[in-house]
N, C-alpha and C. Protein backbone atom coordinates (compact mmCIF):
# COMPACT_ATOMS: atom_id res chain seq x y z
N UNK A 1 -34.25 45.37 28.44
CA UNK A 1 -32.89 45.80 28.70
C UNK A 1 -32.03 44.57 29.02
N UNK A 2 -30.88 44.50 28.39
CA UNK A 2 -29.96 43.38 28.65
C UNK A 2 -29.14 43.71 29.89
N UNK A 3 -29.22 42.83 30.86
CA UNK A 3 -28.50 43.04 32.12
C UNK A 3 -27.17 42.30 32.11
N UNK A 4 -26.39 42.55 33.12
CA UNK A 4 -25.10 41.87 33.25
C UNK A 4 -25.31 40.36 33.35
N UNK A 5 -26.31 39.92 34.08
CA UNK A 5 -26.56 38.47 34.17
C UNK A 5 -26.93 37.89 32.81
N UNK A 6 -27.66 38.65 32.00
CA UNK A 6 -27.97 38.20 30.65
C UNK A 6 -26.70 38.05 29.84
N UNK A 7 -25.80 39.06 29.92
CA UNK A 7 -24.55 39.00 29.18
C UNK A 7 -23.68 37.83 29.64
N UNK A 8 -23.59 37.63 30.95
CA UNK A 8 -22.77 36.53 31.47
C UNK A 8 -23.35 35.19 31.03
N UNK A 9 -24.67 35.06 31.07
CA UNK A 9 -25.31 33.83 30.60
C UNK A 9 -25.04 33.58 29.13
N UNK A 10 -25.12 34.62 28.31
CA UNK A 10 -24.83 34.49 26.88
C UNK A 10 -23.37 34.11 26.66
N UNK A 11 -22.48 34.70 27.44
CA UNK A 11 -21.06 34.36 27.33
C UNK A 11 -20.83 32.89 27.70
N UNK A 12 -21.52 32.41 28.70
CA UNK A 12 -21.41 30.99 29.07
C UNK A 12 -21.90 30.10 27.92
N UNK A 13 -23.03 30.46 27.33
CA UNK A 13 -23.54 29.65 26.22
C UNK A 13 -22.55 29.65 25.05
N UNK A 14 -21.94 30.78 24.79
CA UNK A 14 -20.96 30.84 23.70
C UNK A 14 -19.70 30.05 24.03
N UNK A 15 -19.25 30.12 25.28
CA UNK A 15 -18.09 29.32 25.67
C UNK A 15 -18.41 27.83 25.58
N UNK A 16 -19.66 27.46 25.90
CA UNK A 16 -20.06 26.05 25.79
C UNK A 16 -19.99 25.60 24.32
N UNK A 17 -20.36 26.48 23.40
CA UNK A 17 -20.26 26.14 21.98
C UNK A 17 -18.80 25.84 21.62
N UNK A 18 -17.89 26.63 22.13
CA UNK A 18 -16.47 26.41 21.88
C UNK A 18 -15.98 25.12 22.53
N UNK A 19 -16.47 24.84 23.71
CA UNK A 19 -16.07 23.61 24.39
C UNK A 19 -16.53 22.39 23.61
N UNK A 20 -17.67 22.51 22.92
CA UNK A 20 -18.12 21.40 22.07
C UNK A 20 -17.18 21.21 20.88
N UNK A 21 -16.64 22.30 20.35
CA UNK A 21 -15.63 22.19 19.29
C UNK A 21 -14.41 21.44 19.84
N UNK A 22 -13.99 21.80 21.04
CA UNK A 22 -12.84 21.13 21.66
C UNK A 22 -13.14 19.64 21.85
N UNK A 23 -14.34 19.32 22.32
CA UNK A 23 -14.71 17.91 22.50
C UNK A 23 -14.63 17.15 21.18
N UNK A 24 -15.09 17.76 20.13
CA UNK A 24 -15.05 17.10 18.82
C UNK A 24 -13.61 16.80 18.40
N UNK A 25 -12.73 17.74 18.63
CA UNK A 25 -11.32 17.53 18.28
C UNK A 25 -10.68 16.48 19.19
N UNK A 26 -11.05 16.49 20.46
CA UNK A 26 -10.52 15.49 21.39
C UNK A 26 -11.04 14.10 21.05
N UNK A 27 -12.28 14.01 20.60
CA UNK A 27 -12.81 12.72 20.16
C UNK A 27 -12.01 12.18 18.99
N UNK A 28 -11.65 13.05 18.07
CA UNK A 28 -10.82 12.63 16.93
C UNK A 28 -9.47 12.12 17.42
N UNK A 29 -8.89 12.87 18.32
CA UNK A 29 -7.59 12.50 18.86
C UNK A 29 -7.67 11.16 19.58
N UNK A 30 -8.71 10.97 20.38
CA UNK A 30 -8.88 9.72 21.12
C UNK A 30 -9.11 8.53 20.19
N UNK A 31 -9.68 8.80 19.01
CA UNK A 31 -9.93 7.74 18.02
C UNK A 31 -8.73 7.53 17.09
N UNK A 32 -7.60 8.08 17.47
CA UNK A 32 -6.36 7.96 16.70
C UNK A 32 -6.45 8.65 15.34
N UNK A 33 -7.34 9.64 15.24
CA UNK A 33 -7.41 10.48 14.05
C UNK A 33 -6.65 11.77 14.35
N UNK A 34 -6.33 12.50 13.32
CA UNK A 34 -5.61 13.75 13.52
C UNK A 34 -6.61 14.88 13.78
N UNK A 35 -6.51 15.53 14.92
CA UNK A 35 -7.40 16.66 15.19
C UNK A 35 -6.94 17.87 14.39
N UNK A 36 -7.75 18.88 14.35
CA UNK A 36 -7.38 20.14 13.71
C UNK A 36 -6.68 21.00 14.77
N UNK A 37 -5.36 20.90 14.79
CA UNK A 37 -4.58 21.63 15.79
C UNK A 37 -4.72 23.14 15.61
N UNK A 38 -4.92 23.59 14.39
CA UNK A 38 -5.12 25.01 14.15
C UNK A 38 -6.37 25.50 14.87
N UNK A 39 -7.49 24.75 14.72
CA UNK A 39 -8.73 25.12 15.41
C UNK A 39 -8.55 25.07 16.93
N UNK A 40 -7.89 24.03 17.41
CA UNK A 40 -7.65 23.94 18.86
C UNK A 40 -6.83 25.13 19.33
N UNK A 41 -5.84 25.52 18.55
CA UNK A 41 -5.02 26.68 18.91
C UNK A 41 -5.84 27.96 18.97
N UNK A 42 -6.71 28.17 17.98
CA UNK A 42 -7.57 29.35 17.98
C UNK A 42 -8.49 29.34 19.19
N UNK A 43 -9.09 28.19 19.44
CA UNK A 43 -9.99 28.04 20.57
C UNK A 43 -9.28 28.37 21.88
N UNK A 44 -8.07 27.86 22.02
CA UNK A 44 -7.32 28.12 23.26
C UNK A 44 -6.85 29.55 23.34
N UNK A 45 -6.53 30.18 22.21
CA UNK A 45 -6.22 31.61 22.22
C UNK A 45 -7.40 32.40 22.76
N UNK A 46 -8.59 32.03 22.33
CA UNK A 46 -9.80 32.68 22.82
C UNK A 46 -9.92 32.51 24.34
N UNK A 47 -9.76 31.25 24.79
CA UNK A 47 -9.91 30.99 26.22
C UNK A 47 -8.79 31.60 27.06
N UNK A 48 -7.64 31.80 26.48
CA UNK A 48 -6.55 32.46 27.20
C UNK A 48 -6.77 33.96 27.29
N UNK A 49 -7.59 34.48 26.41
CA UNK A 49 -7.80 35.93 26.35
C UNK A 49 -9.12 36.35 26.97
N UNK A 50 -10.21 36.06 26.30
CA UNK A 50 -11.50 36.63 26.68
C UNK A 50 -11.96 36.30 28.11
N UNK A 51 -12.00 35.03 28.51
CA UNK A 51 -12.48 34.77 29.87
C UNK A 51 -11.64 35.48 30.96
N UNK A 52 -10.34 35.41 30.84
CA UNK A 52 -9.50 36.00 31.89
C UNK A 52 -9.47 37.52 31.86
N UNK A 53 -9.57 38.10 30.68
CA UNK A 53 -9.46 39.55 30.57
C UNK A 53 -10.81 40.27 30.67
N UNK A 54 -11.89 39.60 30.30
CA UNK A 54 -13.18 40.28 30.24
C UNK A 54 -14.25 39.58 31.09
N UNK A 55 -14.46 38.29 30.85
CA UNK A 55 -15.58 37.58 31.48
C UNK A 55 -15.40 37.40 32.99
N UNK A 56 -14.30 36.80 33.39
CA UNK A 56 -14.10 36.53 34.81
C UNK A 56 -14.01 37.80 35.65
N UNK A 57 -13.40 38.89 35.16
CA UNK A 57 -13.43 40.12 35.97
C UNK A 57 -14.85 40.61 36.26
N UNK A 58 -15.78 40.40 35.32
CA UNK A 58 -17.17 40.78 35.58
C UNK A 58 -17.74 39.95 36.73
N UNK A 59 -17.48 38.65 36.67
CA UNK A 59 -17.98 37.77 37.73
C UNK A 59 -17.30 38.09 39.06
N UNK A 60 -16.02 38.39 39.02
CA UNK A 60 -15.30 38.75 40.26
C UNK A 60 -15.88 40.03 40.86
N UNK A 61 -16.23 40.99 39.99
CA UNK A 61 -16.85 42.22 40.46
C UNK A 61 -18.19 41.94 41.12
N UNK A 62 -18.98 41.06 40.50
CA UNK A 62 -20.26 40.68 41.10
C UNK A 62 -20.07 40.02 42.45
N UNK A 63 -19.06 39.16 42.53
CA UNK A 63 -18.79 38.51 43.81
C UNK A 63 -18.40 39.55 44.86
N UNK A 64 -17.62 40.55 44.48
CA UNK A 64 -17.26 41.63 45.41
C UNK A 64 -18.49 42.37 45.91
N UNK A 65 -19.42 42.66 45.02
CA UNK A 65 -20.67 43.31 45.43
C UNK A 65 -21.46 42.41 46.37
N UNK A 66 -21.49 41.13 46.06
CA UNK A 66 -22.22 40.18 46.91
C UNK A 66 -21.56 40.06 48.28
N UNK A 67 -20.23 40.06 48.31
CA UNK A 67 -19.53 40.00 49.60
C UNK A 67 -19.85 41.21 50.47
N UNK A 68 -19.99 42.37 49.84
CA UNK A 68 -20.34 43.58 50.59
C UNK A 68 -21.79 43.56 51.06
N UNK A 69 -22.68 43.03 50.23
CA UNK A 69 -24.12 43.06 50.51
C UNK A 69 -24.56 41.90 51.41
N UNK A 70 -24.03 40.70 51.15
CA UNK A 70 -24.47 39.50 51.87
C UNK A 70 -23.28 38.57 52.09
N UNK A 71 -22.41 38.91 53.06
CA UNK A 71 -21.18 38.14 53.25
C UNK A 71 -21.40 36.65 53.49
N UNK A 72 -22.45 36.29 54.21
CA UNK A 72 -22.69 34.87 54.47
C UNK A 72 -23.02 34.12 53.17
N UNK A 73 -23.86 34.71 52.35
CA UNK A 73 -24.21 34.08 51.08
C UNK A 73 -22.98 34.00 50.17
N UNK A 74 -22.19 35.06 50.18
CA UNK A 74 -20.98 35.09 49.35
C UNK A 74 -19.96 34.07 49.81
N UNK A 75 -19.92 33.79 51.10
CA UNK A 75 -18.95 32.83 51.63
C UNK A 75 -19.18 31.44 51.03
N UNK A 76 -20.44 31.12 50.73
CA UNK A 76 -20.74 29.83 50.13
C UNK A 76 -20.24 29.72 48.70
N UNK A 77 -19.91 30.85 48.09
CA UNK A 77 -19.45 30.89 46.71
C UNK A 77 -17.98 31.33 46.67
N UNK A 78 -17.35 31.37 47.79
CA UNK A 78 -16.00 31.92 47.91
C UNK A 78 -14.95 31.27 47.03
N UNK A 79 -15.17 30.04 46.58
CA UNK A 79 -14.18 29.37 45.76
C UNK A 79 -14.14 29.85 44.31
N UNK A 80 -15.01 30.78 43.97
CA UNK A 80 -15.10 31.26 42.60
C UNK A 80 -13.79 31.86 42.10
N UNK A 81 -13.17 32.71 42.91
CA UNK A 81 -11.91 33.34 42.49
C UNK A 81 -10.82 32.30 42.28
N UNK A 82 -10.75 31.33 43.17
CA UNK A 82 -9.76 30.27 43.04
C UNK A 82 -10.03 29.44 41.78
N UNK A 83 -11.29 29.20 41.49
CA UNK A 83 -11.62 28.44 40.27
C UNK A 83 -11.22 29.21 39.02
N UNK A 84 -11.36 30.53 39.04
CA UNK A 84 -10.93 31.32 37.88
C UNK A 84 -9.43 31.17 37.67
N UNK A 85 -8.67 31.17 38.74
CA UNK A 85 -7.22 30.96 38.62
C UNK A 85 -6.92 29.54 38.14
N UNK A 86 -7.67 28.57 38.66
CA UNK A 86 -7.49 27.17 38.25
C UNK A 86 -7.83 26.99 36.77
N UNK A 87 -8.89 27.64 36.31
CA UNK A 87 -9.26 27.57 34.89
C UNK A 87 -8.13 28.12 34.02
N UNK A 88 -7.54 29.21 34.44
CA UNK A 88 -6.44 29.80 33.68
C UNK A 88 -5.26 28.83 33.61
N UNK A 89 -4.96 28.15 34.71
CA UNK A 89 -3.87 27.16 34.73
C UNK A 89 -4.17 25.97 33.82
N UNK A 90 -5.38 25.45 33.90
CA UNK A 90 -5.75 24.30 33.06
C UNK A 90 -5.74 24.69 31.58
N UNK A 91 -6.19 25.89 31.28
CA UNK A 91 -6.19 26.36 29.90
C UNK A 91 -4.76 26.50 29.39
N UNK A 92 -3.90 27.10 30.20
CA UNK A 92 -2.50 27.28 29.81
C UNK A 92 -1.82 25.92 29.62
N UNK A 93 -2.08 24.98 30.51
CA UNK A 93 -1.47 23.66 30.42
C UNK A 93 -1.88 22.95 29.12
N UNK A 94 -3.16 23.00 28.79
CA UNK A 94 -3.65 22.38 27.57
C UNK A 94 -3.11 23.12 26.34
N UNK A 95 -3.12 24.44 26.37
CA UNK A 95 -2.62 25.23 25.24
C UNK A 95 -1.14 24.95 24.99
N UNK A 96 -0.36 24.87 26.05
CA UNK A 96 1.07 24.57 25.90
C UNK A 96 1.27 23.20 25.26
N UNK A 97 0.48 22.23 25.68
CA UNK A 97 0.60 20.87 25.13
C UNK A 97 0.22 20.85 23.65
N UNK A 98 -0.85 21.56 23.29
CA UNK A 98 -1.27 21.60 21.88
C UNK A 98 -0.20 22.28 21.04
N UNK A 99 0.35 23.38 21.54
CA UNK A 99 1.40 24.07 20.79
C UNK A 99 2.65 23.21 20.66
N UNK A 100 2.98 22.52 21.72
CA UNK A 100 4.16 21.66 21.70
C UNK A 100 4.03 20.59 20.61
N UNK A 101 2.88 19.98 20.54
CA UNK A 101 2.67 18.92 19.55
C UNK A 101 2.54 19.50 18.14
N UNK A 102 1.77 20.55 17.99
CA UNK A 102 1.51 21.05 16.63
C UNK A 102 2.68 21.81 16.03
N UNK A 103 3.48 22.47 16.84
CA UNK A 103 4.60 23.26 16.31
C UNK A 103 5.92 22.52 16.36
N UNK A 104 6.16 21.82 17.43
CA UNK A 104 7.46 21.19 17.62
C UNK A 104 7.46 19.72 17.21
N UNK A 105 6.28 19.17 16.99
CA UNK A 105 6.21 17.75 16.67
C UNK A 105 6.67 16.89 17.83
N UNK A 106 6.55 17.41 19.04
CA UNK A 106 6.99 16.67 20.22
C UNK A 106 6.18 15.39 20.37
N UNK A 107 6.76 14.46 21.03
CA UNK A 107 6.16 13.13 21.14
C UNK A 107 5.36 12.96 22.42
N UNK A 108 4.49 13.92 22.73
CA UNK A 108 3.62 13.75 23.89
C UNK A 108 2.67 12.60 23.59
N UNK A 109 2.41 11.82 24.55
CA UNK A 109 1.48 10.71 24.38
C UNK A 109 0.09 11.25 24.04
N UNK A 110 -0.53 10.61 23.07
CA UNK A 110 -1.88 10.99 22.65
C UNK A 110 -2.83 10.97 23.86
N UNK A 111 -2.73 9.93 24.67
CA UNK A 111 -3.61 9.81 25.84
C UNK A 111 -3.42 10.98 26.81
N UNK A 112 -2.19 11.46 26.95
CA UNK A 112 -1.93 12.58 27.86
C UNK A 112 -2.56 13.86 27.32
N UNK A 113 -2.46 14.09 26.03
CA UNK A 113 -3.08 15.28 25.45
C UNK A 113 -4.60 15.20 25.58
N UNK A 114 -5.16 14.04 25.34
CA UNK A 114 -6.61 13.86 25.51
C UNK A 114 -6.98 14.11 26.97
N UNK A 115 -6.20 13.60 27.91
CA UNK A 115 -6.48 13.81 29.34
C UNK A 115 -6.46 15.29 29.69
N UNK A 116 -5.43 16.02 29.21
CA UNK A 116 -5.34 17.45 29.49
C UNK A 116 -6.53 18.19 28.89
N UNK A 117 -6.90 17.80 27.67
CA UNK A 117 -8.03 18.45 27.01
C UNK A 117 -9.34 18.19 27.70
N UNK A 118 -9.57 16.94 28.08
CA UNK A 118 -10.83 16.61 28.76
C UNK A 118 -10.89 17.27 30.14
N UNK A 119 -9.76 17.38 30.80
CA UNK A 119 -9.71 18.07 32.09
C UNK A 119 -10.12 19.53 31.91
N UNK A 120 -9.58 20.17 30.89
CA UNK A 120 -9.92 21.56 30.58
C UNK A 120 -11.42 21.70 30.29
N UNK A 121 -11.93 20.88 29.38
CA UNK A 121 -13.33 20.95 28.98
C UNK A 121 -14.26 20.64 30.15
N UNK A 122 -14.01 19.55 30.85
CA UNK A 122 -14.90 19.14 31.93
C UNK A 122 -14.93 20.17 33.06
N UNK A 123 -13.75 20.70 33.41
CA UNK A 123 -13.73 21.68 34.50
C UNK A 123 -14.46 22.96 34.09
N UNK A 124 -14.29 23.38 32.84
CA UNK A 124 -15.01 24.58 32.38
C UNK A 124 -16.51 24.36 32.44
N UNK A 125 -16.99 23.22 31.93
CA UNK A 125 -18.43 22.94 31.98
C UNK A 125 -18.92 22.92 33.43
N UNK A 126 -18.18 22.26 34.30
CA UNK A 126 -18.57 22.20 35.72
C UNK A 126 -18.62 23.61 36.32
N UNK A 127 -17.60 24.38 36.06
CA UNK A 127 -17.52 25.74 36.61
C UNK A 127 -18.70 26.59 36.14
N UNK A 128 -18.99 26.57 34.86
CA UNK A 128 -20.10 27.38 34.34
C UNK A 128 -21.44 26.90 34.90
N UNK A 129 -21.58 25.60 35.05
CA UNK A 129 -22.82 25.05 35.63
C UNK A 129 -23.00 25.58 37.06
N UNK A 130 -21.95 25.53 37.84
CA UNK A 130 -22.03 26.01 39.23
C UNK A 130 -22.39 27.50 39.27
N UNK A 131 -21.80 28.28 38.38
CA UNK A 131 -22.13 29.71 38.36
C UNK A 131 -23.58 29.93 37.95
N UNK A 132 -24.02 29.22 36.90
CA UNK A 132 -25.40 29.38 36.42
C UNK A 132 -26.42 28.95 37.46
N UNK A 133 -26.13 27.86 38.16
CA UNK A 133 -27.11 27.27 39.08
C UNK A 133 -27.02 27.79 40.51
N UNK A 134 -25.85 28.28 40.91
CA UNK A 134 -25.69 28.72 42.30
C UNK A 134 -25.35 30.20 42.39
N UNK A 135 -24.24 30.60 41.78
CA UNK A 135 -23.76 31.97 41.94
C UNK A 135 -24.75 33.01 41.39
N UNK A 136 -25.18 32.85 40.15
CA UNK A 136 -26.06 33.86 39.55
C UNK A 136 -27.39 33.98 40.30
N UNK A 137 -28.03 32.87 40.68
CA UNK A 137 -29.27 33.01 41.45
C UNK A 137 -29.06 33.67 42.82
N UNK A 138 -27.95 33.37 43.48
CA UNK A 138 -27.67 34.01 44.77
C UNK A 138 -27.46 35.51 44.57
N UNK A 139 -26.69 35.86 43.55
CA UNK A 139 -26.47 37.29 43.26
C UNK A 139 -27.80 37.97 42.96
N UNK A 140 -28.64 37.33 42.16
CA UNK A 140 -29.94 37.92 41.82
C UNK A 140 -30.80 38.11 43.07
N UNK A 141 -30.69 37.21 44.03
CA UNK A 141 -31.51 37.28 45.23
C UNK A 141 -31.05 38.37 46.20
N UNK A 142 -29.76 38.63 46.28
CA UNK A 142 -29.24 39.52 47.32
C UNK A 142 -28.85 40.91 46.84
N UNK A 143 -28.46 41.07 45.60
CA UNK A 143 -28.01 42.38 45.14
C UNK A 143 -29.20 43.29 44.91
N UNK A 144 -28.99 44.56 45.22
CA UNK A 144 -30.06 45.56 45.08
C UNK A 144 -30.07 46.14 43.66
N UNK A 145 -31.11 46.89 43.37
CA UNK A 145 -31.18 47.56 42.06
C UNK A 145 -29.98 48.48 41.86
N UNK A 146 -29.54 49.15 42.92
CA UNK A 146 -28.37 50.03 42.82
C UNK A 146 -27.11 49.22 42.53
N UNK A 147 -26.99 48.05 43.17
CA UNK A 147 -25.84 47.17 42.89
C UNK A 147 -25.83 46.78 41.42
N UNK A 148 -27.01 46.38 40.91
CA UNK A 148 -27.10 45.93 39.52
C UNK A 148 -26.82 47.06 38.55
N UNK A 149 -27.29 48.26 38.88
CA UNK A 149 -27.03 49.41 38.00
C UNK A 149 -25.53 49.65 37.90
N UNK A 150 -24.85 49.59 39.03
CA UNK A 150 -23.40 49.76 39.05
C UNK A 150 -22.70 48.63 38.30
N UNK A 151 -23.15 47.42 38.55
CA UNK A 151 -22.54 46.25 37.90
C UNK A 151 -22.76 46.27 36.40
N UNK A 152 -23.95 46.69 35.98
CA UNK A 152 -24.24 46.73 34.54
C UNK A 152 -23.34 47.72 33.82
N UNK A 153 -23.05 48.85 34.45
CA UNK A 153 -22.17 49.84 33.83
C UNK A 153 -20.75 49.28 33.74
N UNK A 154 -20.25 48.75 34.84
CA UNK A 154 -18.89 48.20 34.85
C UNK A 154 -18.78 46.96 33.96
N UNK A 155 -19.86 46.19 33.86
CA UNK A 155 -19.85 44.95 33.11
C UNK A 155 -19.91 45.12 31.60
N UNK A 156 -19.98 46.34 31.12
CA UNK A 156 -20.01 46.57 29.67
C UNK A 156 -18.61 46.66 29.08
N UNK A 157 -17.61 46.73 29.94
CA UNK A 157 -16.22 46.86 29.46
C UNK A 157 -15.79 45.60 28.74
N UNK A 158 -15.03 45.79 27.68
CA UNK A 158 -14.46 44.65 26.95
C UNK A 158 -15.46 44.04 26.00
N UNK A 159 -14.97 43.64 24.85
CA UNK A 159 -15.86 43.01 23.88
C UNK A 159 -15.35 41.61 23.57
N UNK A 160 -16.27 40.80 23.11
CA UNK A 160 -15.97 39.41 22.78
C UNK A 160 -15.41 39.36 21.35
N UNK A 161 -14.18 38.90 21.17
CA UNK A 161 -13.56 38.92 19.85
C UNK A 161 -14.14 37.89 18.87
N UNK A 162 -14.97 36.98 19.36
CA UNK A 162 -15.56 35.97 18.49
C UNK A 162 -17.07 36.15 18.36
N UNK A 163 -17.73 36.40 19.48
CA UNK A 163 -19.19 36.45 19.49
C UNK A 163 -19.73 37.87 19.69
N UNK A 164 -18.89 38.87 19.57
CA UNK A 164 -19.31 40.24 19.84
C UNK A 164 -19.89 40.96 18.64
N UNK A 165 -20.42 40.29 17.69
CA UNK A 165 -20.95 40.91 16.48
C UNK A 165 -20.26 40.32 15.28
N UNK A 166 -19.15 40.92 14.91
CA UNK A 166 -18.33 40.41 13.81
C UNK A 166 -17.07 39.82 14.42
N UNK A 167 -16.80 38.57 14.10
CA UNK A 167 -15.62 37.89 14.66
C UNK A 167 -14.34 38.53 14.14
N UNK A 168 -13.35 38.66 15.03
CA UNK A 168 -12.03 39.09 14.60
C UNK A 168 -11.56 38.16 13.49
N UNK A 169 -10.81 38.69 12.57
CA UNK A 169 -10.30 37.90 11.44
C UNK A 169 -9.64 36.61 11.92
N UNK A 170 -8.89 36.69 13.00
CA UNK A 170 -8.15 35.51 13.46
C UNK A 170 -9.07 34.37 13.91
N UNK A 171 -10.32 34.69 14.22
CA UNK A 171 -11.23 33.66 14.71
C UNK A 171 -12.25 33.20 13.67
N UNK A 172 -12.12 33.63 12.44
CA UNK A 172 -13.13 33.28 11.44
C UNK A 172 -13.21 31.78 11.17
N UNK A 173 -12.08 31.08 11.17
CA UNK A 173 -12.11 29.63 10.95
C UNK A 173 -12.86 28.94 12.10
N UNK A 174 -12.69 29.44 13.30
CA UNK A 174 -13.39 28.88 14.46
C UNK A 174 -14.89 29.16 14.35
N UNK A 175 -15.24 30.35 13.93
CA UNK A 175 -16.65 30.70 13.73
C UNK A 175 -17.29 29.78 12.69
N UNK A 176 -16.56 29.49 11.61
CA UNK A 176 -17.09 28.58 10.58
C UNK A 176 -17.26 27.16 11.12
N UNK A 177 -16.33 26.70 11.94
CA UNK A 177 -16.44 25.37 12.52
C UNK A 177 -17.65 25.27 13.44
N UNK A 178 -17.91 26.30 14.20
CA UNK A 178 -19.08 26.31 15.09
C UNK A 178 -20.35 26.23 14.25
N UNK A 179 -20.42 27.03 13.20
CA UNK A 179 -21.61 26.99 12.33
C UNK A 179 -21.79 25.61 11.70
N UNK A 180 -20.70 25.02 11.23
CA UNK A 180 -20.76 23.69 10.62
C UNK A 180 -21.26 22.66 11.63
N UNK A 181 -20.71 22.66 12.83
CA UNK A 181 -21.14 21.71 13.86
C UNK A 181 -22.61 21.89 14.20
N UNK A 182 -23.04 23.14 14.33
CA UNK A 182 -24.43 23.40 14.68
C UNK A 182 -25.37 23.02 13.54
N UNK A 183 -24.93 23.22 12.30
CA UNK A 183 -25.73 22.81 11.15
C UNK A 183 -25.84 21.29 11.11
N UNK A 184 -24.74 20.59 11.34
CA UNK A 184 -24.77 19.13 11.36
C UNK A 184 -25.68 18.61 12.47
N UNK A 185 -25.62 19.23 13.64
CA UNK A 185 -26.48 18.83 14.75
C UNK A 185 -27.96 19.07 14.41
N UNK A 186 -28.24 20.19 13.78
CA UNK A 186 -29.61 20.50 13.38
C UNK A 186 -30.12 19.49 12.34
N UNK A 187 -29.29 19.17 11.37
CA UNK A 187 -29.67 18.21 10.34
C UNK A 187 -29.88 16.82 10.95
N UNK A 188 -29.05 16.45 11.90
CA UNK A 188 -29.20 15.14 12.55
C UNK A 188 -30.50 15.06 13.35
N UNK A 189 -30.89 16.17 13.95
CA UNK A 189 -32.14 16.20 14.71
C UNK A 189 -33.35 16.08 13.80
N UNK A 190 -33.23 16.66 12.61
CA UNK A 190 -34.37 16.67 11.68
C UNK A 190 -34.36 15.49 10.71
N UNK A 191 -33.42 14.60 10.87
CA UNK A 191 -33.34 13.43 9.96
C UNK A 191 -34.27 12.33 10.39
């Protein structure tokens, strides 16, 4: 049976795949090459939608259950809600900058866009690492079977528009880029 923790872990792995796409585009930008602003825009549309509307509410619900069951343990993870708000701000800031450059041709400094992008990527990786290594194990240790049953039912709400089976049409180019990157990585490993 797939549990809520399994789903959250899979969502983290999928978001990491997207963050690697962002890193690749940022590397191009840092090397004075032209990144694929369309792909960056799709990626940021995903991050502006799915994590805030579906993924983070599941984690927030788990934190609420943990606060009720083990307040002292939950207190050590209390910054989670603030980090979710911070992630939304960093995502919006980076998305606005990408849109400004790609649509308006604004003259934002390349270094500033790279800085905003790396800030977004690095903070997301850090946040997911902390959840995987601290929050999820604490939740697993303190929540009861009844808590998990309730969480699993509530945690089924919302679907992933990219990794939920068939990607939404708007994300197909992003799905192809992920496959291409993973194929290149596989070929490089086997070379």
